[in-house]
């Protein structure tokens, strides 16, 4: 799943470490999310969206082909 997490985070002037602390995850988790190596749980996606006062779909971009077999 593609996302705009890094872009949004940098626009707000927040470091990976600061975001990780706010979300109660590791900095490595934030990095993995930003690089698309990890898709968040729905709960974490809601936490991220809430933190930035955005809708989930403004950060995470679902593409049908992401889940085709």
Protein backbone atom coordinates (compact mmCIF):
# COMPACT_ATOMS: atom_id res chain seq x y z
CA UNK A 1 0.00 0.00 0.00
CA UNK A 2 1.34 3.39 -0.92
CA UNK A 3 1.28 6.22 1.57
CA UNK A 4 2.14 9.87 2.06
CA UNK A 5 3.31 9.45 5.65
CA UNK A 6 6.84 10.74 5.14
CA UNK A 7 5.59 13.71 3.12
CA UNK A 8 2.97 14.64 5.72
CA UNK A 9 5.40 14.16 8.60
CA UNK A 10 8.03 16.38 6.99
CA UNK A 11 5.45 19.07 6.12
CA UNK A 12 4.63 19.26 9.83
CA UNK A 13 8.31 19.37 10.82
CA UNK A 14 8.10 16.20 12.90
CA UNK A 15 10.90 13.66 13.18
CA UNK A 16 10.39 9.91 12.92
CA UNK A 17 11.31 9.66 16.60
CA UNK A 18 8.70 12.24 17.65
CA UNK A 19 6.00 10.51 15.62
CA UNK A 20 7.00 7.12 17.00
CA UNK A 21 6.72 8.38 20.58
CA UNK A 22 3.29 9.91 19.91
CA UNK A 23 2.05 6.67 18.34
CA UNK A 24 3.74 4.43 20.93
CA UNK A 25 5.68 2.49 18.28
CA UNK A 26 9.37 2.27 17.45
CA UNK A 27 11.17 4.65 15.10
CA UNK A 28 11.89 1.59 12.97
CA UNK A 29 8.14 0.99 12.60
CA UNK A 30 7.65 4.55 11.35
CA UNK A 31 10.53 4.08 8.89
CA UNK A 32 9.07 0.79 7.66
CA UNK A 33 5.67 2.41 7.18
CA UNK A 34 7.18 5.28 5.23
CA UNK A 35 9.15 2.93 2.99
CA UNK A 36 6.14 0.72 2.31
CA UNK A 37 7.72 -2.35 3.94
CA UNK A 38 4.93 -2.54 6.51
CA UNK A 39 1.20 -1.87 6.30
CA UNK A 40 -0.32 -0.55 9.51
CA UNK A 41 -3.09 -2.21 11.45
CA UNK A 42 -6.38 -0.37 11.13
CA UNK A 43 -5.92 0.91 14.69
CA UNK A 44 -2.48 2.31 13.90
CA UNK A 45 -3.78 3.85 10.67
CA UNK A 46 -6.51 5.62 12.66
CA UNK A 47 -3.95 6.82 15.23
CA UNK A 48 -1.74 8.24 12.48
CA UNK A 49 -4.63 9.98 10.75
CA UNK A 50 -5.89 11.38 14.04
CA UNK A 51 -2.41 12.62 15.00
CA UNK A 52 -2.23 14.64 11.78
CA UNK A 53 -5.93 15.57 11.88
CA UNK A 54 -6.44 13.93 8.48
CA UNK A 55 -8.57 11.14 7.06
CA UNK A 56 -6.91 7.75 6.66
CA UNK A 57 -7.31 7.95 2.88
CA UNK A 58 -5.43 11.26 2.84
CA UNK A 59 -2.34 9.39 4.07
CA UNK A 60 -2.75 5.81 2.88
CA UNK A 61 -3.53 5.07 -0.76
CA UNK A 62 -5.30 1.78 -1.37
CA UNK A 63 -4.88 0.30 -4.82
CA UNK A 64 -6.83 -2.80 -5.80
CA UNK A 65 -3.73 -4.26 -7.46
CA UNK A 66 -2.00 -4.25 -4.05
CA UNK A 67 -4.08 -7.28 -3.09
CA UNK A 68 -4.60 -9.12 -6.37
CA UNK A 69 -3.40 -12.70 -6.44
